[in-house]
Amino acid sequence: MAPRLLGYGSMRALEVPESIASPAWAAEAPASADPVLVVDDDAVCCELMATALERDGHRVEWTSDPMQAVRLVRVRRYAVVVSDVNMPDVSGVALAAEAKLAYPGIRTLLVTGVADPRVRAQAAAIGSELLSKPIRVEELCAAVRTLVGQRAELESTT
């Protein structure tokens, strides 16, 4: 993968606990046969979020290529898609909408460093949760656990 230009996309903003090797914040993630997809054009931030979610018990796939993420959500089933909002080529909002079009039961979580009411309204309009950066690992993991649980409830009633 070609290196990204510095300053393109969003800044890294993820607070990681000192002891990530054996995190006290980790809880048993709800069981899901489907993985969580993490997407952020900043590969370091993307990998940090993916690692935190793996340590929280989730099966995780991640990509720092937003267009690859679009292709993935069209052909693979995910429990949750976690995506940065501001990315080149495709926004996180567009990616979440595409994921919901491909699989209506999917849950999406958007993360943004920009406090823009329009982004909050766009997220709400497509039924996506929204977290503002900087994100604490505990907050990210709790949000994903909740969304996986909601997805499991939905599947058990259909």
N, C-alpha and C. Protein backbone atom coordinates (compact mmCIF):
# COMPACT_ATOMS: atom_id res chain seq x y z
N MET A 1 0.85 -1.17 0.00
CA MET A 1 0.00 0.00 0.00
C MET A 1 0.90 1.24 0.00
N ALA A 2 0.58 2.22 -0.82
CA ALA A 2 1.37 3.44 -0.91
C ALA A 2 1.20 4.27 0.35
N PRO A 3 2.28 4.94 0.79
CA PRO A 3 2.15 5.77 1.98
C PRO A 3 1.20 6.94 1.74
N ARG A 4 0.51 7.34 2.76
CA ARG A 4 -0.41 8.47 2.68
C ARG A 4 0.34 9.77 2.98
N LEU A 5 -0.14 10.87 2.40
CA LEU A 5 0.45 12.16 2.69
C LEU A 5 0.10 12.59 4.10
N LEU A 6 1.06 13.17 4.82
CA LEU A 6 0.76 13.69 6.15
C LEU A 6 -0.23 14.84 6.03
N GLY A 7 -1.17 14.89 6.95
CA GLY A 7 -2.15 15.96 6.95
C GLY A 7 -3.38 15.66 6.09
N TYR A 8 -3.38 14.54 5.40
CA TYR A 8 -4.50 14.16 4.56
C TYR A 8 -5.43 13.27 5.37
N GLY A 9 -6.66 13.66 5.54
CA GLY A 9 -7.56 12.89 6.38
C GLY A 9 -7.60 13.46 7.77
N SER A 10 -7.77 12.61 8.76
CA SER A 10 -7.92 13.09 10.13
C SER A 10 -6.66 12.83 10.94
N MET A 11 -6.57 13.52 12.07
CA MET A 11 -5.45 13.33 12.97
C MET A 11 -5.67 12.08 13.81
N ARG A 12 -4.57 11.49 14.27
CA ARG A 12 -4.68 10.36 15.19
C ARG A 12 -5.15 10.89 16.53
N ALA A 13 -6.19 10.30 17.03
CA ALA A 13 -6.72 10.76 18.30
C ALA A 13 -7.41 9.60 18.99
N LEU A 14 -6.64 8.73 19.60
CA LEU A 14 -7.18 7.60 20.31
C LEU A 14 -6.40 7.48 21.60
N GLU A 15 -7.08 7.57 22.72
CA GLU A 15 -6.41 7.46 24.00
C GLU A 15 -6.30 6.00 24.39
N VAL A 16 -5.07 5.53 24.58
CA VAL A 16 -4.80 4.13 24.88
C VAL A 16 -4.35 4.01 26.33
N PRO A 17 -4.96 3.11 27.10
CA PRO A 17 -4.54 2.92 28.49
C PRO A 17 -3.09 2.46 28.56
N GLU A 18 -2.43 2.76 29.69
CA GLU A 18 -1.03 2.36 29.86
C GLU A 18 -0.85 0.87 29.69
N SER A 19 -1.74 0.07 30.23
CA SER A 19 -1.58 -1.37 30.21
C SER A 19 -2.53 -2.00 29.20
N ILE A 20 -2.22 -1.83 27.92
CA ILE A 20 -3.09 -2.41 26.90
C ILE A 20 -2.87 -3.91 26.77
N ALA A 21 -1.73 -4.41 27.27
CA ALA A 21 -1.45 -5.85 27.16
C ALA A 21 -2.46 -6.68 27.94
N SER A 22 -2.86 -6.23 29.11
CA SER A 22 -3.89 -6.92 29.89
C SER A 22 -4.87 -5.88 30.40
N PRO A 23 -5.71 -5.37 29.50
CA PRO A 23 -6.56 -4.25 29.85
C PRO A 23 -7.62 -4.58 30.89
N ALA A 24 -7.70 -3.73 31.90
CA ALA A 24 -8.73 -3.89 32.92
C ALA A 24 -10.09 -3.48 32.37
N TRP A 25 -10.10 -2.67 31.30
CA TRP A 25 -11.34 -2.18 30.72
C TRP A 25 -12.01 -3.21 29.83
N ALA A 26 -11.30 -4.22 29.42
CA ALA A 26 -11.86 -5.20 28.48
C ALA A 26 -12.98 -5.99 29.15
N ALA A 27 -14.03 -6.17 28.42
CA ALA A 27 -15.16 -6.97 28.89
C ALA A 27 -15.42 -8.04 27.85
N GLU A 28 -16.19 -9.03 28.23
CA GLU A 28 -16.49 -10.07 27.26
C GLU A 28 -17.42 -9.50 26.19
N ALA A 29 -16.95 -9.52 24.96
CA ALA A 29 -17.74 -9.00 23.86
C ALA A 29 -18.88 -9.97 23.55
N PRO A 30 -20.05 -9.44 23.18
CA PRO A 30 -21.13 -10.33 22.78
C PRO A 30 -20.68 -11.19 21.60
N ALA A 31 -21.10 -12.42 21.59
CA ALA A 31 -20.69 -13.33 20.51
C ALA A 31 -21.31 -12.89 19.19
N SER A 32 -20.51 -12.90 18.16
CA SER A 32 -20.99 -12.62 16.82
C SER A 32 -20.22 -13.49 15.84
N ALA A 33 -20.95 -14.10 14.93
CA ALA A 33 -20.28 -14.91 13.92
C ALA A 33 -19.58 -14.02 12.90
N ASP A 34 -20.01 -12.77 12.82
CA ASP A 34 -19.47 -11.85 11.83
C ASP A 34 -18.45 -10.91 12.47
N PRO A 35 -17.41 -10.56 11.71
CA PRO A 35 -16.39 -9.68 12.26
C PRO A 35 -16.82 -8.21 12.28
N VAL A 36 -16.03 -7.41 12.95
CA VAL A 36 -16.16 -5.96 12.96
C VAL A 36 -15.18 -5.43 11.92
N LEU A 37 -15.61 -4.49 11.09
CA LEU A 37 -14.73 -3.85 10.12
C LEU A 37 -14.38 -2.47 10.64
N VAL A 38 -13.08 -2.17 10.71
CA VAL A 38 -12.60 -0.85 11.14
C VAL A 38 -11.96 -0.18 9.93
N VAL A 39 -12.38 1.08 9.67
CA VAL A 39 -11.89 1.81 8.50
C VAL A 39 -11.45 3.21 8.93
N ASP A 40 -10.21 3.55 8.63
CA ASP A 40 -9.70 4.90 8.86
C ASP A 40 -8.54 5.08 7.89
N ASP A 41 -8.52 6.21 7.18
CA ASP A 41 -7.43 6.43 6.23
C ASP A 41 -6.09 6.62 6.92
N ASP A 42 -6.09 6.87 8.21
CA ASP A 42 -4.86 6.91 9.00
C ASP A 42 -4.60 5.49 9.49
N ALA A 43 -3.63 4.82 8.87
CA ALA A 43 -3.38 3.40 9.16
C ALA A 43 -3.04 3.15 10.63
N VAL A 44 -2.32 4.07 11.26
CA VAL A 44 -1.94 3.87 12.66
C VAL A 44 -3.18 3.92 13.55
N CYS A 45 -4.02 4.91 13.34
CA CYS A 45 -5.26 5.02 14.13
C CYS A 45 -6.16 3.82 13.87
N CYS A 46 -6.24 3.39 12.62
CA CYS A 46 -7.06 2.24 12.25
C CYS A 46 -6.57 0.98 12.98
N GLU A 47 -5.27 0.76 12.95
CA GLU A 47 -4.72 -0.43 13.61
C GLU A 47 -4.89 -0.36 15.12
N LEU A 48 -4.76 0.83 15.70
CA LEU A 48 -4.97 0.97 17.15
C LEU A 48 -6.40 0.61 17.53
N MET A 49 -7.37 1.12 16.77
CA MET A 49 -8.77 0.79 17.07
C MET A 49 -9.02 -0.70 16.90
N ALA A 50 -8.46 -1.28 15.82
CA ALA A 50 -8.65 -2.72 15.57
C ALA A 50 -8.04 -3.55 16.69
N THR A 51 -6.85 -3.18 17.14
CA THR A 51 -6.19 -3.92 18.22
C THR A 51 -7.00 -3.84 19.51
N ALA A 52 -7.50 -2.66 19.83
CA ALA A 52 -8.31 -2.50 21.04
C ALA A 52 -9.56 -3.38 20.97
N LEU A 53 -10.21 -3.42 19.80
CA LEU A 53 -11.42 -4.23 19.66
C LEU A 53 -11.10 -5.73 19.69
N GLU A 54 -9.97 -6.13 19.12
CA GLU A 54 -9.56 -7.54 19.22
C GLU A 54 -9.33 -7.93 20.67
N ARG A 55 -8.68 -7.06 21.42
CA ARG A 55 -8.41 -7.35 22.83
C ARG A 55 -9.68 -7.34 23.66
N ASP A 56 -10.73 -6.73 23.11
CA ASP A 56 -12.02 -6.73 23.78
C ASP A 56 -12.83 -7.96 23.40
N GLY A 57 -12.26 -8.83 22.55
CA GLY A 57 -12.91 -10.10 22.23
C GLY A 57 -13.58 -10.17 20.87
N HIS A 58 -13.46 -9.14 20.06
CA HIS A 58 -14.10 -9.14 18.75
C HIS A 58 -13.16 -9.71 17.68
N ARG A 59 -13.76 -10.36 16.68
CA ARG A 59 -12.99 -10.68 15.47
C ARG A 59 -13.02 -9.41 14.63
N VAL A 60 -11.85 -8.97 14.16
CA VAL A 60 -11.74 -7.67 13.52
C VAL A 60 -11.01 -7.78 12.19
N GLU A 61 -11.51 -7.06 11.21
CA GLU A 61 -10.80 -6.81 9.96
C GLU A 61 -10.65 -5.30 9.87
N TRP A 62 -9.55 -4.85 9.27
CA TRP A 62 -9.38 -3.40 9.15
C TRP A 62 -8.70 -3.04 7.85
N THR A 63 -8.98 -1.83 7.40
CA THR A 63 -8.34 -1.30 6.20
C THR A 63 -8.22 0.21 6.33
N SER A 64 -7.13 0.73 5.77
CA SER A 64 -6.95 2.19 5.73
C SER A 64 -7.29 2.72 4.34
N ASP A 65 -7.87 1.88 3.50
CA ASP A 65 -8.27 2.25 2.14
C ASP A 65 -9.80 2.31 2.08
N PRO A 66 -10.37 3.52 2.06
CA PRO A 66 -11.83 3.63 2.06
C PRO A 66 -12.51 2.94 0.87
N MET A 67 -11.89 2.95 -0.30
CA MET A 67 -12.49 2.29 -1.46
C MET A 67 -12.49 0.78 -1.28
N GLN A 68 -11.44 0.23 -0.66
CA GLN A 68 -11.43 -1.20 -0.37
C GLN A 68 -12.56 -1.52 0.61
N ALA A 69 -12.80 -0.63 1.57
CA ALA A 69 -13.88 -0.84 2.53
C ALA A 69 -15.24 -0.90 1.82
N VAL A 70 -15.45 -0.04 0.82
CA VAL A 70 -16.70 -0.08 0.06
C VAL A 70 -16.85 -1.44 -0.62
N ARG A 71 -15.77 -1.92 -1.23
CA ARG A 71 -15.83 -3.24 -1.88
C ARG A 71 -16.12 -4.33 -0.85
N LEU A 72 -15.51 -4.24 0.31
CA LEU A 72 -15.71 -5.26 1.35
C LEU A 72 -17.15 -5.31 1.84
N VAL A 73 -17.74 -4.14 2.12
CA VAL A 73 -19.11 -4.16 2.66
C VAL A 73 -20.13 -4.62 1.63
N ARG A 74 -19.76 -4.60 0.36
CA ARG A 74 -20.67 -5.09 -0.68
C ARG A 74 -20.67 -6.61 -0.77
N VAL A 75 -19.58 -7.25 -0.32
CA VAL A 75 -19.47 -8.71 -0.51
C VAL A 75 -19.34 -9.50 0.78
N ARG A 76 -19.05 -8.83 1.89
CA ARG A 76 -18.88 -9.53 3.17
C ARG A 76 -19.90 -9.03 4.16
N ARG A 77 -20.26 -9.88 5.06
CA ARG A 77 -21.21 -9.52 6.12
C ARG A 77 -20.41 -9.18 7.37
N TYR A 78 -20.71 -8.04 7.97
CA TYR A 78 -20.04 -7.58 9.19
C TYR A 78 -21.08 -7.35 10.28
N ALA A 79 -20.67 -7.55 11.52
CA ALA A 79 -21.54 -7.24 12.65
C ALA A 79 -21.67 -5.73 12.79
N VAL A 80 -20.52 -5.05 12.71
CA VAL A 80 -20.45 -3.59 12.87
C VAL A 80 -19.37 -3.07 11.93
N VAL A 81 -19.61 -1.88 11.37
CA VAL A 81 -18.58 -1.15 10.64
C VAL A 81 -18.27 0.10 11.45
N VAL A 82 -16.99 0.25 11.81
CA VAL A 82 -16.51 1.44 12.52
C VAL A 82 -15.70 2.22 11.50
N SER A 83 -16.05 3.48 11.27
CA SER A 83 -15.37 4.25 10.24
C SER A 83 -15.14 5.70 10.64
N ASP A 84 -13.98 6.20 10.26
CA ASP A 84 -13.71 7.63 10.35
C ASP A 84 -14.67 8.33 9.39
N VAL A 85 -15.02 9.56 9.66
CA VAL A 85 -15.92 10.30 8.79
C VAL A 85 -15.17 10.93 7.63
N ASN A 86 -14.09 11.65 7.92
CA ASN A 86 -13.38 12.41 6.89
C ASN A 86 -12.24 11.59 6.30
N MET A 87 -12.50 11.03 5.11
CA MET A 87 -11.50 10.23 4.42
C MET A 87 -11.52 10.62 2.94
N PRO A 88 -10.41 10.38 2.24
CA PRO A 88 -10.39 10.68 0.81
C PRO A 88 -11.25 9.69 0.03
N ASP A 89 -11.75 10.11 -1.09
CA ASP A 89 -12.52 9.28 -2.04
C ASP A 89 -13.93 8.97 -1.58
N VAL A 90 -14.13 8.57 -0.33
CA VAL A 90 -15.47 8.26 0.16
C VAL A 90 -15.53 8.62 1.65
N SER A 91 -16.60 9.27 2.05
CA SER A 91 -16.73 9.64 3.46
C SER A 91 -17.20 8.45 4.27
N GLY A 92 -17.00 8.51 5.56
CA GLY A 92 -17.50 7.47 6.44
C GLY A 92 -19.02 7.39 6.40
N VAL A 93 -19.69 8.53 6.22
CA VAL A 93 -21.14 8.55 6.12
C VAL A 93 -21.59 7.77 4.88
N ALA A 94 -20.91 8.00 3.75
CA ALA A 94 -21.25 7.28 2.52
C ALA A 94 -20.96 5.78 2.67
N LEU A 95 -19.85 5.45 3.34
CA LEU A 95 -19.52 4.05 3.57
C LEU A 95 -20.58 3.37 4.44
N ALA A 96 -21.00 4.04 5.50
CA ALA A 96 -22.03 3.48 6.38
C ALA A 96 -23.34 3.28 5.63
N ALA A 97 -23.70 4.24 4.79
CA ALA A 97 -24.92 4.12 3.99
C ALA A 97 -24.82 2.94 3.02
N GLU A 98 -23.66 2.77 2.42
CA GLU A 98 -23.44 1.64 1.50
C GLU A 98 -23.54 0.31 2.24
N ALA A 99 -22.97 0.26 3.43
CA ALA A 99 -23.03 -0.97 4.24
C ALA A 99 -24.48 -1.31 4.58
N LYS A 100 -25.26 -0.31 4.95
CA LYS A 100 -26.66 -0.54 5.30
C LYS A 100 -27.51 -0.93 4.09
N LEU A 101 -27.12 -0.43 2.92
CA LEU A 101 -27.79 -0.81 1.69
C LEU A 101 -27.52 -2.28 1.36
N ALA A 102 -26.26 -2.70 1.54
CA ALA A 102 -25.86 -4.08 1.24
C ALA A 102 -26.43 -5.05 2.27
N TYR A 103 -26.50 -4.63 3.52
CA TYR A 103 -27.00 -5.49 4.59
C TYR A 103 -27.76 -4.63 5.60
N PRO A 104 -29.07 -4.54 5.48
CA PRO A 104 -29.86 -3.63 6.33
C PRO A 104 -29.71 -3.83 7.84
N GLY A 105 -29.33 -5.00 8.32
CA GLY A 105 -29.21 -5.23 9.75
C GLY A 105 -27.89 -4.79 10.35
N ILE A 106 -26.97 -4.33 9.52
CA ILE A 106 -25.65 -3.97 10.01
C ILE A 106 -25.72 -2.74 10.90
N ARG A 107 -24.86 -2.68 11.88
CA ARG A 107 -24.74 -1.52 12.76
C ARG A 107 -23.48 -0.76 12.37
N THR A 108 -23.55 0.57 12.43
CA THR A 108 -22.40 1.39 12.05
C THR A 108 -22.08 2.40 13.14
N LEU A 109 -20.79 2.66 13.27
CA LEU A 109 -20.28 3.62 14.24
C LEU A 109 -19.31 4.54 13.52
N LEU A 110 -19.62 5.81 13.48
CA LEU A 110 -18.75 6.79 12.83
C LEU A 110 -17.95 7.53 13.89
N VAL A 111 -16.69 7.81 13.57
CA VAL A 111 -15.84 8.58 14.48
C VAL A 111 -15.34 9.82 13.73
N THR A 112 -15.33 10.95 14.42
CA THR A 112 -14.93 12.19 13.78
C THR A 112 -14.20 13.11 14.74
N GLY A 113 -13.28 13.85 14.19
CA GLY A 113 -12.57 14.86 14.96
C GLY A 113 -13.16 16.25 14.73
N VAL A 114 -14.18 16.33 13.89
CA VAL A 114 -14.79 17.61 13.53
C VAL A 114 -16.16 17.72 14.19
N ALA A 115 -16.32 18.71 15.03
CA ALA A 115 -17.60 18.92 15.72
C ALA A 115 -18.53 19.71 14.80
N ASP A 116 -19.10 19.03 13.83
CA ASP A 116 -19.96 19.65 12.84
C ASP A 116 -21.38 19.11 13.00
N PRO A 117 -22.35 19.97 13.29
CA PRO A 117 -23.73 19.51 13.46
C PRO A 117 -24.27 18.80 12.22
N ARG A 118 -23.75 19.16 11.04
CA ARG A 118 -24.21 18.50 9.81
C ARG A 118 -23.82 17.03 9.80
N VAL A 119 -22.61 16.73 10.31
CA VAL A 119 -22.16 15.33 10.37
C VAL A 119 -23.05 14.55 11.33
N ARG A 120 -23.36 15.16 12.48
CA ARG A 120 -24.24 14.50 13.45
C ARG A 120 -25.62 14.23 12.83
N ALA A 121 -26.13 15.19 12.07
CA ALA A 121 -27.43 15.02 11.41
C ALA A 121 -27.37 13.94 10.33
N GLN A 122 -26.27 13.90 9.57
CA GLN A 122 -26.10 12.87 8.53
C GLN A 122 -26.04 11.48 9.16
N ALA A 123 -25.29 11.37 10.26
CA ALA A 123 -25.17 10.08 10.96
C ALA A 123 -26.55 9.63 11.46
N ALA A 124 -27.28 10.55 12.07
CA ALA A 124 -28.61 10.23 12.59
C ALA A 124 -29.56 9.82 11.45
N ALA A 125 -29.44 10.48 10.32
CA ALA A 125 -30.33 10.21 9.20
C ALA A 125 -30.17 8.79 8.66
N ILE A 126 -28.97 8.22 8.77
CA ILE A 126 -28.77 6.85 8.29
C ILE A 126 -28.76 5.84 9.43
N GLY A 127 -29.06 6.30 10.64
CA GLY A 127 -29.13 5.38 11.78
C GLY A 127 -27.77 4.93 12.29
N SER A 128 -26.78 5.80 12.17
CA SER A 128 -25.44 5.46 12.62
C SER A 128 -25.13 6.17 13.94
N GLU A 129 -24.39 5.48 14.80
CA GLU A 129 -23.91 6.10 16.03
C GLU A 129 -22.70 6.97 15.67
N LEU A 130 -22.38 7.95 16.52
CA LEU A 130 -21.27 8.86 16.25
C LEU A 130 -20.49 9.10 17.53
N LEU A 131 -19.17 8.94 17.45
CA LEU A 131 -18.26 9.27 18.54
C LEU A 131 -17.33 10.38 18.08
N SER A 132 -17.04 11.32 18.98
CA SER A 132 -16.11 12.41 18.66
C SER A 132 -14.72 12.10 19.17
N LYS A 133 -13.72 12.40 18.35
CA LYS A 133 -12.32 12.24 18.75
C LYS A 133 -11.95 13.39 19.67
N PRO A 134 -11.07 13.19 20.61
CA PRO A 134 -10.35 11.94 20.87
C PRO A 134 -11.27 10.90 21.52
N ILE A 135 -11.03 9.66 21.15
CA ILE A 135 -11.84 8.55 21.65
C ILE A 135 -11.03 7.77 22.67
N ARG A 136 -11.64 7.51 23.81
CA ARG A 136 -11.01 6.62 24.79
C ARG A 136 -11.29 5.19 24.37
N VAL A 137 -10.32 4.32 24.54
CA VAL A 137 -10.48 2.91 24.14
C VAL A 137 -11.70 2.30 24.81
N GLU A 138 -11.92 2.61 26.08
CA GLU A 138 -13.06 2.06 26.80
C GLU A 138 -14.37 2.47 26.13
N GLU A 139 -14.43 3.72 25.67
CA GLU A 139 -15.62 4.26 25.02
C GLU A 139 -15.87 3.55 23.68
N LEU A 140 -14.81 3.36 22.90
CA LEU A 140 -14.91 2.66 21.63
C LEU A 140 -15.41 1.23 21.83
N CYS A 141 -14.78 0.52 22.75
CA CYS A 141 -15.14 -0.88 22.98
C CYS A 141 -16.57 -1.01 23.51
N ALA A 142 -16.97 -0.12 24.40
CA ALA A 142 -18.33 -0.17 24.94
C ALA A 142 -19.35 0.09 23.83
N ALA A 143 -19.07 1.05 22.96
CA ALA A 143 -19.98 1.36 21.86
C ALA A 143 -20.12 0.17 20.91
N VAL A 144 -19.00 -0.47 20.57
CA VAL A 144 -19.05 -1.61 19.66
C VAL A 144 -19.76 -2.79 20.32
N ARG A 145 -19.50 -3.03 21.62
CA ARG A 145 -20.21 -4.11 22.32
C ARG A 145 -21.72 -3.89 22.26
N THR A 146 -22.15 -2.65 22.49
CA THR A 146 -23.57 -2.32 22.44
C THR A 146 -24.15 -2.59 21.06
N LEU A 147 -23.43 -2.16 20.02
CA LEU A 147 -23.92 -2.35 18.65
C LEU A 147 -23.97 -3.82 18.26
N VAL A 148 -22.97 -4.61 18.67
CA VAL A 148 -22.98 -6.05 18.39
C VAL A 148 -24.17 -6.68 19.10
N GLY A 149 -24.43 -6.26 20.34
CA GLY A 149 -25.58 -6.78 21.08
C GLY A 149 -26.90 -6.44 20.41
N GLN A 150 -27.03 -5.21 19.90
CA GLN A 150 -28.25 -4.81 19.19
C GLN A 150 -28.44 -5.64 17.94
N ARG A 151 -27.35 -5.89 17.24
CA ARG A 151 -27.42 -6.70 16.01
C ARG A 151 -27.86 -8.12 16.35
N ALA A 152 -27.32 -8.68 17.44
CA ALA A 152 -27.68 -10.04 17.85
C ALA A 152 -29.17 -10.10 18.22
N GLU A 153 -29.68 -9.09 18.91
CA GLU A 153 -31.10 -9.04 19.27
C GLU A 153 -31.96 -9.00 18.02
N LEU A 154 -31.56 -8.19 17.05
CA LEU A 154 -32.31 -8.07 15.80
C LEU A 154 -32.37 -9.41 15.08
N GLU A 155 -31.24 -10.11 15.03
CA GLU A 155 -31.19 -11.40 14.34
C GLU A 155 -32.01 -12.46 15.05
N SER A 156 -32.08 -12.37 16.38
CA SER A 156 -32.82 -13.39 17.12
C SER A 156 -34.33 -13.21 16.96
N THR A 157 -34.78 -12.05 16.55
CA THR A 157 -36.21 -11.80 16.36
C THR A 157 -36.66 -11.97 14.92
N THR A 158 -35.70 -12.18 14.01
CA THR A 158 -36.08 -12.33 12.58
C THR A 158 -35.95 -13.76 12.14
